[in-house]
Amino acid sequence: MESYALVLGRRTVRAARPSRQQFSHGERSLPFAGPSSWRQYPCGADGGLVARTSGYRLRDDAQAILLRPDRPLFDVTLLGIGEDGHTASLFPGQPALQETRRWVVAVIGAKAEPRITLTYPALDSSRDVAFVVTGREKRQIVARAQTRDRIIPAAMIRPVGCLHWFMDRAATPERAI
């Protein structure tokens, strides 16, 4: 069975800008995925066009048109959580939170630069989702997310498989210590 790492550059800014979150195969590596097994979905200046193109490429790579619970799109999805509860580029109050059909959408107006993000249906199509969180400033938002506060985008992640939280002591809610 082939495995690969999906790299989704989510900020749609010019390549020369330091805020761009895209990297080449040689800049980072995962022990299970060599450079030949990377799938990179770059961002460009037009978030809407890039989101549509990335969505089509993701469907081609997955060899799927529809998401099926018995055949998740991802084996493992690693996510973080922002102090406002956002995850991926799913921000509170944004239309992307309501998307149910598309796998990738543009997010305009949540931050200074346009972004693209995987949607809940795509993220939820995972055997395992793991949130990796560090820092005391995240403690309160993690507690809210873990109690499924519907205002918090990260709280709405519901994988077809298991959900895991990996936190340092500073980010761990009081009740869990």
C-alpha atoms as a PDB file:
ATOM      1  CA  MET A   1       0.000   0.000   0.000  1.00  0.00           C
ATOM      2  CA  GLU A   2       1.328   3.423  -0.943  1.00  0.00           C
ATOM      3  CA  SER A   3       1.491   6.092   1.727  1.00  0.00           C
ATOM      4  CA  TYR A   4       2.261   9.730   1.256  1.00  0.00           C
ATOM      5  CA  ALA A   5       2.310  13.000   3.142  1.00  0.00           C
ATOM      6  CA  LEU A   6      -0.106  15.697   2.057  1.00  0.00           C
ATOM      7  CA  VAL A   7       1.348  19.185   2.317  1.00  0.00           C
ATOM      8  CA  LEU A   8      -1.293  21.873   2.023  1.00  0.00           C
ATOM      9  CA  GLY A   9       0.088  25.423   1.877  1.00  0.00           C
ATOM     10  CA  ARG A  10      -2.835  27.355   3.267  1.00  0.00           C
ATOM     11  CA  ARG A  11      -1.885  31.023   2.996  1.00  0.00           C
ATOM     12  CA  THR A  12      -2.348  32.497  -0.416  1.00  0.00           C
ATOM     13  CA  VAL A  13       0.572  34.900  -0.472  1.00  0.00           C
ATOM     14  CA  ARG A  14       3.499  35.382  -2.835  1.00  0.00           C
ATOM     15  CA  ALA A  15       6.312  32.841  -2.547  1.00  0.00           C
ATOM     16  CA  ALA A  16       8.854  35.412  -1.350  1.00  0.00           C
ATOM     17  CA  ARG A  17       6.788  36.460   1.695  1.00  0.00           C
ATOM     18  CA  PRO A  18       7.915  35.020   5.051  1.00  0.00           C
ATOM     19  CA  SER A  19       4.305  34.313   6.099  1.00  0.00           C
ATOM     20  CA  ARG A  20       3.985  31.692   3.368  1.00  0.00           C
ATOM     21  CA  GLN A  21       3.572  28.229   4.935  1.00  0.00           C
ATOM     22  CA  GLN A  22       4.818  26.170   2.057  1.00  0.00           C
ATOM     23  CA  PHE A  23       7.997  24.159   2.108  1.00  0.00           C
ATOM     24  CA  SER A  24       9.937  22.030  -0.277  1.00  0.00           C
ATOM     25  CA  HIS A  25      10.684  18.349   0.177  1.00  0.00           C
ATOM     26  CA  GLY A  26      14.175  19.071   1.495  1.00  0.00           C
ATOM     27  CA  GLU A  27      13.136  21.593   4.144  1.00  0.00           C
ATOM     28  CA  ARG A  28      11.230  19.163   6.377  1.00  0.00           C
ATOM     29  CA  SER A  29      10.815  15.453   6.409  1.00  0.00           C
ATOM     30  CA  LEU A  30       8.736  12.769   8.034  1.00  0.00           C
ATOM     31  CA  PRO A  31      10.321   9.401   8.802  1.00  0.00           C
ATOM     32  CA  PHE A  32       7.616   7.472   6.933  1.00  0.00           C
ATOM     33  CA  ALA A  33       7.434   9.653   3.841  1.00  0.00           C
ATOM     34  CA  GLY A  34      10.409  10.272   1.619  1.00  0.00           C
ATOM     35  CA  PRO A  35      10.515  13.107  -0.907  1.00  0.00           C
ATOM     36  CA  SER A  36       9.025  10.955  -3.681  1.00  0.00           C
ATOM     37  CA  SER A  37       5.866  10.437  -1.631  1.00  0.00           C
ATOM     38  CA  TRP A  38       4.968  14.084  -0.942  1.00  0.00           C
ATOM     39  CA  ARG A  39       1.831  15.583  -2.434  1.00  0.00           C
ATOM     40  CA  GLN A  40       2.084  19.353  -2.350  1.00  0.00           C
ATOM     41  CA  TYR A  41      -0.918  21.618  -2.846  1.00  0.00           C
ATOM     42  CA  PRO A  42       0.512  25.114  -3.216  1.00  0.00           C
ATOM     43  CA  CYS A  43      -1.349  28.380  -2.733  1.00  0.00           C
ATOM     44  CA  GLY A  44      -1.448  31.263  -5.142  1.00  0.00           C
ATOM     45  CA  ALA A  45      -2.792  34.781  -5.280  1.00  0.00           C
ATOM     46  CA  ASP A  46      -6.385  33.726  -6.085  1.00  0.00           C
ATOM     47  CA  GLY A  47      -7.651  31.724  -3.112  1.00  0.00           C
ATOM     48  CA  GLY A  48     -10.896  30.654  -4.821  1.00  0.00           C
ATOM     49  CA  LEU A  49      -9.223  29.294  -7.943  1.00  0.00           C
ATOM     50  CA  VAL A  50      -6.488  27.589  -5.908  1.00  0.00           C
ATOM     51  CA  ALA A  51      -9.082  26.012  -3.578  1.00  0.00           C
ATOM     52  CA  ARG A  52     -11.012  24.569  -6.530  1.00  0.00           C
ATOM     53  CA  THR A  53      -7.829  23.298  -8.204  1.00  0.00           C
ATOM     54  CA  SER A  54      -6.498  21.795  -4.948  1.00  0.00           C
ATOM     55  CA  GLY A  55      -9.855  20.108  -4.328  1.00  0.00           C
ATOM     56  CA  TYR A  56      -9.766  18.475  -7.764  1.00  0.00           C
ATOM     57  CA  ARG A  57      -6.137  17.365  -7.299  1.00  0.00           C
ATOM     58  CA  LEU A  58      -6.949  15.914  -3.884  1.00  0.00           C
ATOM     59  CA  ARG A  59      -9.847  13.933  -5.366  1.00  0.00           C
ATOM     60  CA  ASP A  60      -7.587  12.661  -8.148  1.00  0.00           C
ATOM     61  CA  ASP A  61      -4.893  11.591  -5.666  1.00  0.00           C
ATOM     62  CA  ALA A  62      -7.478   9.903  -3.437  1.00  0.00           C
ATOM     63  CA  GLN A  63      -9.099   8.277  -6.479  1.00  0.00           C
ATOM     64  CA  ALA A  64     -12.448   9.208  -5.019  1.00  0.00           C
ATOM     65  CA  ILE A  65     -15.350  11.459  -5.871  1.00  0.00           C
ATOM     66  CA  LEU A  66     -17.341  10.931  -2.672  1.00  0.00           C
ATOM     67  CA  LEU A  67     -16.102  10.625   0.895  1.00  0.00           C
ATOM     68  CA  ARG A  68     -16.961   7.257   2.436  1.00  0.00           C
ATOM     69  CA  PRO A  69     -16.726   6.396   6.160  1.00  0.00           C
ATOM     70  CA  ASP A  70     -15.432   2.909   5.304  1.00  0.00           C
ATOM     71  CA  ARG A  71     -12.609   4.374   3.193  1.00  0.00           C
ATOM     72  CA  PRO A  72     -11.233   7.494   4.905  1.00  0.00           C
ATOM     73  CA  LEU A  73      -9.345  10.004   2.818  1.00  0.00           C
ATOM     74  CA  PHE A  74      -6.547  10.288   5.416  1.00  0.00           C
ATOM     75  CA  ASP A  75      -4.948   7.823   7.796  1.00  0.00           C
ATOM     76  CA  VAL A  76      -3.601  10.492  10.163  1.00  0.00           C
ATOM     77  CA  THR A  77      -4.366  14.205  10.259  1.00  0.00           C
ATOM     78  CA  LEU A  78      -2.277  16.486  12.491  1.00  0.00           C
ATOM     79  CA  LEU A  79      -3.907  19.743  13.526  1.00  0.00           C
ATOM     80  CA  GLY A  80      -3.208  22.636  15.835  1.00  0.00           C
ATOM     81  CA  ILE A  81      -5.618  25.014  17.527  1.00  0.00           C
ATOM     82  CA  GLY A  82      -5.425  28.797  17.625  1.00  0.00           C
ATOM     83  CA  GLU A  83      -6.196  30.935  20.660  1.00  0.00           C
ATOM     84  CA  ASP A  84      -9.552  31.746  19.016  1.00  0.00           C
ATOM     85  CA  GLY A  85     -10.322  28.043  18.528  1.00  0.00           C
ATOM     86  CA  HIS A  86      -9.585  27.913  14.818  1.00  0.00           C
ATOM     87  CA  THR A  87      -8.018  24.852  13.263  1.00  0.00           C
ATOM     88  CA  ALA A  88      -6.617  24.475   9.753  1.00  0.00           C
ATOM     89  CA  SER A  89      -8.042  27.751   8.404  1.00  0.00           C
ATOM     90  CA  LEU A  90     -11.515  27.148   9.818  1.00  0.00           C
ATOM     91  CA  PHE A  91     -12.092  30.370  11.767  1.00  0.00           C
ATOM     92  CA  PRO A  92     -15.048  31.278  14.011  1.00  0.00           C
ATOM     93  CA  GLY A  93     -17.915  32.876  12.112  1.00  0.00           C
ATOM     94  CA  GLN A  94     -16.594  32.123   8.607  1.00  0.00           C
ATOM     95  CA  PRO A  95     -18.729  30.603   5.817  1.00  0.00           C
ATOM     96  CA  ALA A  96     -16.217  27.740   5.431  1.00  0.00           C
ATOM     97  CA  LEU A  97     -17.633  26.273   8.665  1.00  0.00           C
ATOM     98  CA  GLN A  98     -20.937  25.586   6.886  1.00  0.00           C
ATOM     99  CA  GLU A  99     -19.427  23.873   3.816  1.00  0.00           C
ATOM    100  CA  THR A 100     -20.656  20.303   3.406  1.00  0.00           C
ATOM    101  CA  ARG A 101     -19.850  19.392  -0.216  1.00  0.00           C
ATOM    102  CA  ARG A 102     -16.432  20.774  -1.181  1.00  0.00           C
ATOM    103  CA  TRP A 103     -13.211  19.351   0.267  1.00  0.00           C
ATOM    104  CA  VAL A 104     -11.170  22.559  -0.059  1.00  0.00           C
ATOM    105  CA  VAL A 105     -12.429  26.164   0.095  1.00  0.00           C
ATOM    106  CA  ALA A 106     -11.055  29.682   0.074  1.00  0.00           C
ATOM    107  CA  VAL A 107     -11.182  31.671   3.319  1.00  0.00           C
ATOM    108  CA  ILE A 108     -11.286  35.412   2.686  1.00  0.00           C
ATOM    109  CA  GLY A 109     -11.404  38.028   5.444  1.00  0.00           C
ATOM    110  CA  ALA A 110     -10.600  35.900   8.490  1.00  0.00           C
ATOM    111  CA  LYS A 111      -7.001  37.140   8.525  1.00  0.00           C
ATOM    112  CA  ALA A 112      -5.031  39.720   6.528  1.00  0.00           C
ATOM    113  CA  GLU A 113      -4.150  37.279   3.760  1.00  0.00           C
ATOM    114  CA  PRO A 114      -6.548  34.986   1.892  1.00  0.00           C
ATOM    115  CA  ARG A 115      -6.200  31.304   2.743  1.00  0.00           C
ATOM    116  CA  ILE A 116      -7.429  27.923   1.637  1.00  0.00           C
ATOM    117  CA  THR A 117      -8.487  25.147   3.970  1.00  0.00           C
ATOM    118  CA  LEU A 118      -9.678  21.608   4.045  1.00  0.00           C
ATOM    119  CA  THR A 119     -13.324  21.542   5.116  1.00  0.00           C
ATOM    120  CA  TYR A 120     -14.924  19.529   7.912  1.00  0.00           C
ATOM    121  CA  PRO A 121     -16.000  16.725   5.534  1.00  0.00           C
ATOM    122  CA  ALA A 122     -12.411  16.267   4.285  1.00  0.00           C
ATOM    123  CA  LEU A 123     -10.798  16.594   7.733  1.00  0.00           C
ATOM    124  CA  ASP A 124     -13.371  14.262   9.280  1.00  0.00           C
ATOM    125  CA  SER A 125     -12.534  11.651   6.643  1.00  0.00           C
ATOM    126  CA  SER A 126      -9.559  10.529   8.768  1.00  0.00           C
ATOM    127  CA  ARG A 127      -8.809   7.304  10.611  1.00  0.00           C
ATOM    128  CA  ASP A 128      -7.090   9.366  13.307  1.00  0.00           C
ATOM    129  CA  VAL A 129      -7.028  13.105  13.975  1.00  0.00           C
ATOM    130  CA  ALA A 130      -4.458  14.386  16.443  1.00  0.00           C
ATOM    131  CA  PHE A 131      -4.373  17.890  17.859  1.00  0.00           C
ATOM    132  CA  VAL A 132      -0.862  18.896  18.896  1.00  0.00           C
ATOM    133  CA  VAL A 133      -1.006  21.846  21.307  1.00  0.00           C
ATOM    134  CA  THR A 134       1.591  23.705  23.362  1.00  0.00           C
ATOM    135  CA  GLY A 135       1.525  26.727  25.632  1.00  0.00           C
ATOM    136  CA  ARG A 136      -0.466  28.056  28.563  1.00  0.00           C
ATOM    137  CA  GLU A 137      -2.250  30.552  26.303  1.00  0.00           C
ATOM    138  CA  LYS A 138      -4.101  27.604  24.719  1.00  0.00           C
ATOM    139  CA  ARG A 139      -5.321  26.013  27.964  1.00  0.00           C
ATOM    140  CA  GLN A 140      -8.740  27.686  28.093  1.00  0.00           C
ATOM    141  CA  ILE A 141      -9.537  27.155  24.406  1.00  0.00           C
ATOM    142  CA  VAL A 142      -8.487  23.482  24.624  1.00  0.00           C
ATOM    143  CA  ALA A 143     -10.872  22.999  27.574  1.00  0.00           C
ATOM    144  CA  ARG A 144     -13.714  24.540  25.555  1.00  0.00           C
ATOM    145  CA  ALA A 145     -12.886  22.448  22.480  1.00  0.00           C
ATOM    146  CA  GLN A 146     -12.798  19.240  24.495  1.00  0.00           C
ATOM    147  CA  THR A 147     -16.281  19.956  25.872  1.00  0.00           C
ATOM    148  CA  ARG A 148     -17.539  20.359  22.265  1.00  0.00           C
ATOM    149  CA  ASP A 149     -18.327  24.082  22.531  1.00  0.00           C
ATOM    150  CA  ARG A 150     -20.001  24.598  19.127  1.00  0.00           C
ATOM    151  CA  ILE A 151     -18.584  28.130  18.814  1.00  0.00           C
ATOM    152  CA  ILE A 152     -15.058  26.677  18.633  1.00  0.00           C
ATOM    153  CA  PRO A 153     -14.218  25.374  15.115  1.00  0.00           C
ATOM    154  CA  ALA A 154     -11.715  22.838  16.500  1.00  0.00           C
ATOM    155  CA  ALA A 155     -14.490  21.359  18.672  1.00  0.00           C
ATOM    156  CA  MET A 156     -16.441  20.416  15.570  1.00  0.00           C
ATOM    157  CA  ILE A 157     -13.819  18.032  14.174  1.00  0.00           C
ATOM    158  CA  ARG A 158     -15.421  14.577  14.231  1.00  0.00           C
ATOM    159  CA  PRO A 159     -13.251  12.023  12.452  1.00  0.00           C
ATOM    160  CA  VAL A 160     -14.667   8.716  11.250  1.00  0.00           C
ATOM    161  CA  GLY A 161     -11.930   7.175  13.416  1.00  0.00           C
ATOM    162  CA  CYS A 162     -10.395   8.434  16.659  1.00  0.00           C
ATOM    163  CA  LEU A 163      -9.660  11.910  17.971  1.00  0.00           C
ATOM    164  CA  HIS A 164      -6.493  12.420  20.048  1.00  0.00           C
ATOM    165  CA  TRP A 165      -5.121  15.379  21.996  1.00  0.00           C
ATOM    166  CA  PHE A 166      -1.363  15.704  22.553  1.00  0.00           C
ATOM    167  CA  MET A 167      -0.575  18.627  24.849  1.00  0.00           C
ATOM    168  CA  ASP A 168       2.267  19.837  26.957  1.00  0.00           C
ATOM    169  CA  ARG A 169       1.511  20.390  30.634  1.00  0.00           C
ATOM    170  CA  ALA A 170       1.010  24.127  30.102  1.00  0.00           C
ATOM    171  CA  ALA A 171      -1.761  23.593  27.527  1.00  0.00           C
ATOM    172  CA  THR A 172      -3.509  20.811  29.441  1.00  0.00           C
ATOM    173  CA  PRO A 173      -6.783  21.944  31.081  1.00  0.00           C
ATOM    174  CA  GLU A 174      -6.794  21.865  34.898  1.00  0.00           C
ATOM    175  CA  ARG A 175      -9.356  19.067  35.135  1.00  0.00           C
ATOM    176  CA  ALA A 176      -7.096  16.764  33.076  1.00  0.00           C
ATOM    177  CA  ILE A 177      -3.898  17.212  35.131  1.00  0.00           C
END
